[in-house]
Structure formats: C-alpha cells, structure tokens
Amino acid sequence: MPDDGAVSTVRVRRRGPASKYAIWARYRNLERWPEWAPHIRELRAFGQLRPGLEGQMVGVLGMTAWFEVLEVDEPGGVWIWVVRSGPAKLRIEHEVAEGLAGMIITGRAPAVFAYVPVARRQLTRVVGPGRGP
C-alpha cells in the first residue's frame, strides 16, 4: 500500500453505447453533470466546459470541492481539470472516443484510490445510453 505522501496515477476506462458526440454533450452541459456524476448534488459554475472555468461542486453528503478546468480539446478527445477538497487535490485528465470515456487520475495516493470507485461509476453512466445528449 502506498504511503500517504506518495503521488499515484490510475487510469480508469469504460466502454458503452454512447457516441463520442453524446459523451461530449454530457460533459459540456454543466447543468446535467449530476445525471452522470451521482456523487454531485449541485454544481456552482456558469457556462459550458472550457479552459479557465472555475466552480464549486457540492456532494451528496454536503462535502464541497473547488475545481478549475485547465484544457479542453474536443477534436483531440481530452479535457483536463484540477479538483480540490480540503487537503486533497486531484488532476483528472478525461479521454473521450467513440463509445469510450476514461480518466487518468493523479494525486496523493489516498485521494486517488478513494476516487477510483466513484470514477468507475460515473464513467459507466457517461458511456451509457442515457436520455439523449
């Protein structure tokens, strides 16, 4: 088991029936994030997914996390953001392709490994059939 100070990187991927277009539409529309990210109760940010977007997420248990989107490259199938909650900080690189969504999660070992089950669940929902883009 890594020690608390170790930086770890984990890749999580899921495949499903959603098209690349539908996956991007789900990411772009901030109001719909709670539909595919069941750990988010409320998202406090305005506009669409874009570099420089900052905001706050409120979780189902009332925890809050601040985020900043660093990069969005829709043609390249990548978007990157940093999420902070208390002392925990994660850098998450999302990858999008036809029928595929993935994340490369980097941060201190405990936070990364605690987030992996959440990442698996939300990616499964992102690539699922959903209710349209």
N, C-alpha and C. Protein backbone atom coordinates (compact mmCIF):
# COMPACT_ATOMS: atom_id res chain seq x y z
N MET A 1 0.85 -1.19 0.00
CA MET A 1 0.00 0.00 0.00
C MET A 1 0.89 1.24 0.00
N PRO A 2 0.62 2.20 -0.91
CA PRO A 2 1.43 3.42 -0.94
C PRO A 2 1.27 4.21 0.35
N ASP A 3 2.32 4.96 0.73
CA ASP A 3 2.18 5.80 1.93
C ASP A 3 1.40 7.06 1.60
N ASP A 4 0.98 7.79 2.62
CA ASP A 4 0.12 8.96 2.44
C ASP A 4 0.74 10.05 1.60
N GLY A 5 2.07 10.12 1.52
CA GLY A 5 2.72 11.17 0.76
C GLY A 5 2.99 10.82 -0.68
N ALA A 6 2.77 9.57 -1.06
CA ALA A 6 3.09 9.12 -2.40
C ALA A 6 2.10 9.69 -3.42
N VAL A 7 2.63 10.11 -4.56
CA VAL A 7 1.78 10.55 -5.67
C VAL A 7 1.53 9.33 -6.54
N SER A 8 0.28 9.13 -6.87
CA SER A 8 -0.13 7.98 -7.67
C SER A 8 -0.91 8.43 -8.88
N THR A 9 -0.88 7.60 -9.90
CA THR A 9 -1.66 7.82 -11.11
C THR A 9 -2.39 6.53 -11.44
N VAL A 10 -3.69 6.65 -11.69
CA VAL A 10 -4.51 5.49 -12.04
C VAL A 10 -5.33 5.84 -13.26
N ARG A 11 -5.43 4.91 -14.20
CA ARG A 11 -6.28 5.09 -15.39
C ARG A 11 -7.51 4.21 -15.24
N VAL A 12 -8.68 4.81 -15.49
CA VAL A 12 -9.95 4.10 -15.44
C VAL A 12 -10.64 4.35 -16.77
N ARG A 13 -11.17 3.29 -17.39
CA ARG A 13 -11.86 3.43 -18.68
C ARG A 13 -13.13 2.61 -18.67
N ARG A 14 -14.12 3.09 -19.40
CA ARG A 14 -15.36 2.35 -19.58
C ARG A 14 -15.81 2.50 -21.03
N ARG A 15 -16.38 1.42 -21.56
CA ARG A 15 -16.95 1.42 -22.90
C ARG A 15 -18.46 1.27 -22.79
N GLY A 16 -19.17 1.84 -23.76
CA GLY A 16 -20.62 1.74 -23.76
C GLY A 16 -21.19 2.19 -25.10
N PRO A 17 -22.50 2.26 -25.19
CA PRO A 17 -23.14 2.56 -26.47
C PRO A 17 -23.14 4.04 -26.87
N ALA A 18 -22.81 4.94 -25.96
CA ALA A 18 -22.88 6.37 -26.29
C ALA A 18 -21.84 6.75 -27.34
N SER A 19 -22.26 7.61 -28.25
CA SER A 19 -21.33 8.11 -29.27
C SER A 19 -20.39 9.13 -28.65
N LYS A 20 -19.32 9.41 -29.37
CA LYS A 20 -18.39 10.45 -28.91
C LYS A 20 -19.13 11.77 -28.76
N TYR A 21 -20.03 12.07 -29.69
CA TYR A 21 -20.81 13.29 -29.63
C TYR A 21 -21.65 13.34 -28.35
N ALA A 22 -22.34 12.25 -28.03
CA ALA A 22 -23.20 12.21 -26.83
C ALA A 22 -22.37 12.37 -25.56
N ILE A 23 -21.20 11.75 -25.52
CA ILE A 23 -20.33 11.87 -24.34
C ILE A 23 -19.90 13.32 -24.16
N TRP A 24 -19.45 13.97 -25.24
CA TRP A 24 -19.04 15.37 -25.15
C TRP A 24 -20.21 16.25 -24.74
N ALA A 25 -21.40 15.97 -25.25
CA ALA A 25 -22.57 16.77 -24.90
C ALA A 25 -22.85 16.67 -23.41
N ARG A 26 -22.67 15.51 -22.83
CA ARG A 26 -22.87 15.33 -21.39
C ARG A 26 -21.84 16.12 -20.60
N TYR A 27 -20.59 16.12 -21.04
CA TYR A 27 -19.56 16.88 -20.34
C TYR A 27 -19.77 18.38 -20.50
N ARG A 28 -20.12 18.83 -21.72
CA ARG A 28 -20.25 20.26 -21.99
C ARG A 28 -21.34 20.94 -21.18
N ASN A 29 -22.44 20.25 -20.95
CA ASN A 29 -23.61 20.82 -20.30
C ASN A 29 -23.51 20.66 -18.78
N LEU A 30 -23.03 21.70 -18.10
CA LEU A 30 -22.79 21.64 -16.66
C LEU A 30 -24.05 21.32 -15.86
N GLU A 31 -25.19 21.78 -16.32
CA GLU A 31 -26.44 21.53 -15.59
C GLU A 31 -26.76 20.04 -15.51
N ARG A 32 -26.25 19.26 -16.44
CA ARG A 32 -26.57 17.83 -16.48
C ARG A 32 -25.53 16.96 -15.78
N TRP A 33 -24.46 17.55 -15.24
CA TRP A 33 -23.43 16.75 -14.58
C TRP A 33 -23.99 15.84 -13.49
N PRO A 34 -24.94 16.29 -12.65
CA PRO A 34 -25.46 15.38 -11.62
C PRO A 34 -26.14 14.12 -12.19
N GLU A 35 -26.56 14.16 -13.46
CA GLU A 35 -27.19 12.98 -14.07
C GLU A 35 -26.18 11.85 -14.26
N TRP A 36 -24.95 12.18 -14.63
CA TRP A 36 -23.96 11.13 -14.87
C TRP A 36 -22.93 11.04 -13.75
N ALA A 37 -22.89 12.01 -12.88
CA ALA A 37 -21.97 12.00 -11.74
C ALA A 37 -22.80 11.95 -10.46
N PRO A 38 -23.17 10.76 -10.03
CA PRO A 38 -24.12 10.63 -8.92
C PRO A 38 -23.61 11.17 -7.59
N HIS A 39 -22.33 11.44 -7.49
CA HIS A 39 -21.78 11.99 -6.24
C HIS A 39 -21.94 13.51 -6.18
N ILE A 40 -22.37 14.14 -7.28
CA ILE A 40 -22.57 15.60 -7.31
C ILE A 40 -24.05 15.91 -7.11
N ARG A 41 -24.34 16.68 -6.08
CA ARG A 41 -25.71 17.13 -5.82
C ARG A 41 -25.97 18.46 -6.52
N GLU A 42 -24.95 19.31 -6.54
CA GLU A 42 -25.10 20.64 -7.12
C GLU A 42 -23.76 21.10 -7.69
N LEU A 43 -23.82 21.78 -8.82
CA LEU A 43 -22.63 22.34 -9.44
C LEU A 43 -22.80 23.85 -9.52
N ARG A 44 -21.86 24.57 -8.93
CA ARG A 44 -21.92 26.03 -8.93
C ARG A 44 -20.86 26.56 -9.89
N ALA A 45 -21.26 26.68 -11.15
CA ALA A 45 -20.39 27.19 -12.21
C ALA A 45 -21.32 27.60 -13.35
N PHE A 46 -20.85 28.50 -14.19
CA PHE A 46 -21.70 29.02 -15.25
C PHE A 46 -21.02 28.86 -16.60
N GLY A 47 -21.83 28.59 -17.61
CA GLY A 47 -21.31 28.46 -18.95
C GLY A 47 -21.12 27.00 -19.31
N GLN A 48 -20.32 26.80 -20.32
CA GLN A 48 -20.03 25.45 -20.77
C GLN A 48 -18.60 25.08 -20.38
N LEU A 49 -18.29 23.83 -20.53
CA LEU A 49 -16.95 23.32 -20.26
C LEU A 49 -15.95 24.06 -21.15
N ARG A 50 -14.97 24.72 -20.52
CA ARG A 50 -13.98 25.49 -21.27
C ARG A 50 -12.76 25.73 -20.39
N PRO A 51 -11.60 25.97 -20.99
CA PRO A 51 -10.41 26.30 -20.20
C PRO A 51 -10.68 27.55 -19.36
N GLY A 52 -10.23 27.53 -18.12
CA GLY A 52 -10.41 28.67 -17.23
C GLY A 52 -11.70 28.62 -16.42
N LEU A 53 -12.61 27.71 -16.75
CA LEU A 53 -13.85 27.59 -15.98
C LEU A 53 -13.51 27.18 -14.55
N GLU A 54 -14.04 27.92 -13.60
CA GLU A 54 -13.86 27.59 -12.19
C GLU A 54 -15.22 27.46 -11.55
N GLY A 55 -15.29 26.65 -10.51
CA GLY A 55 -16.56 26.49 -9.82
C GLY A 55 -16.42 25.63 -8.59
N GLN A 56 -17.58 25.31 -8.05
CA GLN A 56 -17.64 24.51 -6.84
C GLN A 56 -18.67 23.40 -7.04
N MET A 57 -18.36 22.23 -6.53
CA MET A 57 -19.29 21.11 -6.54
C MET A 57 -19.70 20.84 -5.11
N VAL A 58 -20.98 20.52 -4.93
CA VAL A 58 -21.47 20.10 -3.63
C VAL A 58 -21.87 18.64 -3.77
N GLY A 59 -21.30 17.80 -2.93
CA GLY A 59 -21.56 16.37 -2.99
C GLY A 59 -22.82 15.97 -2.26
N VAL A 60 -23.21 14.73 -2.43
CA VAL A 60 -24.43 14.22 -1.83
C VAL A 60 -24.36 14.24 -0.30
N LEU A 61 -23.19 14.19 0.28
CA LEU A 61 -23.05 14.25 1.73
C LEU A 61 -22.72 15.66 2.22
N GLY A 62 -22.85 16.66 1.32
CA GLY A 62 -22.61 18.04 1.70
C GLY A 62 -21.16 18.50 1.57
N MET A 63 -20.26 17.58 1.23
CA MET A 63 -18.86 17.98 1.02
C MET A 63 -18.77 18.89 -0.19
N THR A 64 -17.83 19.84 -0.13
CA THR A 64 -17.63 20.72 -1.27
C THR A 64 -16.23 20.52 -1.85
N ALA A 65 -16.13 20.76 -3.12
CA ALA A 65 -14.85 20.70 -3.82
C ALA A 65 -14.81 21.84 -4.82
N TRP A 66 -13.65 22.46 -4.94
CA TRP A 66 -13.42 23.53 -5.91
C TRP A 66 -12.73 22.92 -7.13
N PHE A 67 -13.02 23.47 -8.29
CA PHE A 67 -12.37 22.95 -9.49
C PHE A 67 -12.00 24.07 -10.44
N GLU A 68 -11.04 23.74 -11.30
CA GLU A 68 -10.64 24.61 -12.40
C GLU A 68 -10.36 23.73 -13.61
N VAL A 69 -10.96 24.08 -14.74
CA VAL A 69 -10.72 23.37 -15.99
C VAL A 69 -9.47 23.97 -16.62
N LEU A 70 -8.49 23.12 -16.90
CA LEU A 70 -7.22 23.58 -17.45
C LEU A 70 -7.18 23.55 -18.97
N GLU A 71 -7.80 22.53 -19.56
CA GLU A 71 -7.70 22.35 -21.01
C GLU A 71 -8.93 21.62 -21.51
N VAL A 72 -9.40 22.01 -22.69
CA VAL A 72 -10.48 21.31 -23.38
C VAL A 72 -10.08 21.20 -24.84
N ASP A 73 -9.90 19.99 -25.31
CA ASP A 73 -9.53 19.73 -26.70
C ASP A 73 -10.52 18.70 -27.25
N GLU A 74 -11.68 19.21 -27.67
CA GLU A 74 -12.72 18.29 -28.14
C GLU A 74 -12.27 17.47 -29.35
N PRO A 75 -11.66 18.07 -30.38
CA PRO A 75 -11.20 17.25 -31.50
C PRO A 75 -10.19 16.18 -31.07
N GLY A 76 -9.34 16.51 -30.11
CA GLY A 76 -8.35 15.56 -29.61
C GLY A 76 -8.90 14.58 -28.58
N GLY A 77 -10.15 14.81 -28.14
CA GLY A 77 -10.78 13.88 -27.21
C GLY A 77 -10.27 13.97 -25.78
N VAL A 78 -9.86 15.17 -25.33
CA VAL A 78 -9.29 15.31 -24.00
C VAL A 78 -9.81 16.57 -23.31
N TRP A 79 -10.07 16.45 -22.02
CA TRP A 79 -10.25 17.64 -21.18
C TRP A 79 -9.64 17.35 -19.83
N ILE A 80 -9.05 18.40 -19.24
CA ILE A 80 -8.27 18.24 -18.01
C ILE A 80 -8.74 19.27 -16.99
N TRP A 81 -8.86 18.82 -15.75
CA TRP A 81 -9.20 19.75 -14.68
C TRP A 81 -8.50 19.35 -13.40
N VAL A 82 -8.50 20.30 -12.44
CA VAL A 82 -7.95 20.07 -11.11
C VAL A 82 -9.11 20.25 -10.14
N VAL A 83 -9.24 19.30 -9.20
CA VAL A 83 -10.30 19.33 -8.20
C VAL A 83 -9.65 19.32 -6.83
N ARG A 84 -10.10 20.23 -5.93
CA ARG A 84 -9.55 20.32 -4.58
C ARG A 84 -10.68 20.25 -3.55
N SER A 85 -10.44 19.46 -2.52
CA SER A 85 -11.36 19.41 -1.39
C SER A 85 -10.51 19.24 -0.14
N GLY A 86 -10.50 20.26 0.71
CA GLY A 86 -9.62 20.21 1.89
C GLY A 86 -8.19 20.07 1.42
N PRO A 87 -7.43 19.16 2.02
CA PRO A 87 -6.03 18.98 1.62
C PRO A 87 -5.87 18.14 0.35
N ALA A 88 -6.96 17.50 -0.10
CA ALA A 88 -6.87 16.61 -1.26
C ALA A 88 -6.94 17.41 -2.56
N LYS A 89 -6.08 17.05 -3.49
CA LYS A 89 -6.05 17.68 -4.81
C LYS A 89 -5.83 16.59 -5.85
N LEU A 90 -6.71 16.56 -6.85
CA LEU A 90 -6.59 15.60 -7.93
C LEU A 90 -6.51 16.33 -9.26
N ARG A 91 -5.65 15.83 -10.13
CA ARG A 91 -5.60 16.27 -11.52
C ARG A 91 -6.22 15.14 -12.32
N ILE A 92 -7.28 15.47 -13.06
CA ILE A 92 -8.01 14.43 -13.78
C ILE A 92 -8.02 14.77 -15.26
N GLU A 93 -7.46 13.88 -16.04
CA GLU A 93 -7.46 14.02 -17.50
C GLU A 93 -8.51 13.08 -18.06
N HIS A 94 -9.54 13.65 -18.67
CA HIS A 94 -10.61 12.86 -19.27
C HIS A 94 -10.25 12.56 -20.72
N GLU A 95 -10.54 11.35 -21.14
CA GLU A 95 -10.37 10.99 -22.55
C GLU A 95 -11.72 10.56 -23.10
N VAL A 96 -12.02 10.97 -24.33
CA VAL A 96 -13.29 10.69 -24.96
C VAL A 96 -13.03 10.16 -26.36
N ALA A 97 -13.69 9.05 -26.69
CA ALA A 97 -13.64 8.48 -28.04
C ALA A 97 -15.00 7.84 -28.30
N GLU A 98 -15.20 7.34 -29.47
CA GLU A 98 -16.46 6.69 -29.81
C GLU A 98 -16.70 5.51 -28.86
N GLY A 99 -17.78 5.61 -28.06
CA GLY A 99 -18.12 4.53 -27.14
C GLY A 99 -17.14 4.34 -25.99
N LEU A 100 -16.31 5.35 -25.70
CA LEU A 100 -15.29 5.20 -24.66
C LEU A 100 -15.14 6.51 -23.88
N ALA A 101 -15.08 6.39 -22.57
CA ALA A 101 -14.73 7.51 -21.70
C ALA A 101 -13.73 6.98 -20.70
N GLY A 102 -12.72 7.79 -20.41
CA GLY A 102 -11.71 7.37 -19.46
C GLY A 102 -11.19 8.54 -18.67
N MET A 103 -10.45 8.22 -17.62
CA MET A 103 -9.82 9.23 -16.78
C MET A 103 -8.43 8.75 -16.40
N ILE A 104 -7.52 9.69 -16.35
CA ILE A 104 -6.20 9.46 -15.75
C ILE A 104 -6.19 10.36 -14.52
N ILE A 105 -6.20 9.74 -13.35
CA ILE A 105 -6.34 10.45 -12.07
C ILE A 105 -4.98 10.48 -11.40
N THR A 106 -4.50 11.68 -11.06
CA THR A 106 -3.19 11.85 -10.42
C THR A 106 -3.35 12.68 -9.15
N GLY A 107 -2.70 12.23 -8.10
CA GLY A 107 -2.73 12.96 -6.83
C GLY A 107 -2.12 12.10 -5.73
N ARG A 108 -2.27 12.53 -4.49
CA ARG A 108 -1.79 11.75 -3.36
C ARG A 108 -2.55 10.43 -3.30
N ALA A 109 -1.85 9.39 -2.99
CA ALA A 109 -2.39 8.04 -3.06
C ALA A 109 -3.75 7.86 -2.40
N PRO A 110 -3.95 8.30 -1.16
CA PRO A 110 -5.27 8.04 -0.55
C PRO A 110 -6.43 8.66 -1.32
N ALA A 111 -6.26 9.88 -1.80
CA ALA A 111 -7.33 10.55 -2.55
C ALA A 111 -7.59 9.86 -3.88
N VAL A 112 -6.52 9.48 -4.58
CA VAL A 112 -6.68 8.80 -5.87
C VAL A 112 -7.44 7.50 -5.69
N PHE A 113 -7.00 6.67 -4.75
CA PHE A 113 -7.62 5.36 -4.58
C PHE A 113 -9.03 5.46 -4.02
N ALA A 114 -9.34 6.51 -3.25
CA ALA A 114 -10.70 6.72 -2.77
C ALA A 114 -11.62 7.13 -3.92
N TYR A 115 -11.07 7.82 -4.92
CA TYR A 115 -11.88 8.32 -6.03
C TYR A 115 -12.13 7.27 -7.12
N VAL A 116 -11.31 6.25 -7.21
CA VAL A 116 -11.43 5.26 -8.29
C VAL A 116 -12.83 4.64 -8.38
N PRO A 117 -13.45 4.17 -7.28
CA PRO A 117 -14.81 3.61 -7.42
C PRO A 117 -15.83 4.63 -7.92
N VAL A 118 -15.68 5.88 -7.51
CA VAL A 118 -16.57 6.94 -7.97
C VAL A 118 -16.37 7.14 -9.48
N ALA A 119 -15.11 7.17 -9.90
CA ALA A 119 -14.78 7.34 -11.32
C ALA A 119 -15.38 6.22 -12.16
N ARG A 120 -15.27 5.01 -11.69
CA ARG A 120 -15.83 3.87 -12.44
C ARG A 120 -17.33 4.03 -12.63
N ARG A 121 -18.00 4.41 -11.57
CA ARG A 121 -19.46 4.56 -11.63
C ARG A 121 -19.86 5.68 -12.58
N GLN A 122 -19.21 6.83 -12.47
CA GLN A 122 -19.62 7.94 -13.33
C GLN A 122 -19.27 7.66 -14.79
N LEU A 123 -18.14 7.03 -15.07
CA LEU A 123 -17.81 6.72 -16.47
C LEU A 123 -18.80 5.74 -17.07
N THR A 124 -19.25 4.78 -16.27
CA THR A 124 -20.26 3.83 -16.75
C THR A 124 -21.52 4.58 -17.16
N ARG A 125 -21.89 5.60 -16.39
CA ARG A 125 -23.07 6.39 -16.72
C ARG A 125 -22.82 7.30 -17.93
N VAL A 126 -21.63 7.84 -18.07
CA VAL A 126 -21.31 8.73 -19.21
C VAL A 126 -21.40 7.98 -20.53
N VAL A 127 -20.97 6.74 -20.57
CA VAL A 127 -20.99 5.99 -21.83
C VAL A 127 -22.27 5.17 -22.03
N GLY A 128 -23.17 5.25 -21.04
CA GLY A 128 -24.43 4.52 -21.13
C GLY A 128 -25.39 5.19 -22.10
N PRO A 129 -26.53 4.57 -22.30
CA PRO A 129 -27.49 5.10 -23.27
C PRO A 129 -28.05 6.45 -22.85
N GLY A 130 -28.23 6.69 -21.56
CA GLY A 130 -28.70 7.98 -21.08
C GLY A 130 -30.04 8.37 -21.68
N ARG A 131 -30.34 9.66 -21.60
CA ARG A 131 -31.58 10.20 -22.14
C ARG A 131 -31.25 11.21 -23.22
N GLY A 132 -30.43 10.83 -24.14
CA GLY A 132 -30.02 11.73 -25.22
C GLY A 132 -28.79 12.50 -24.83
N PRO A 133 -28.24 13.31 -25.75
CA PRO A 133 -27.02 14.04 -25.47
C PRO A 133 -27.29 15.13 -24.48
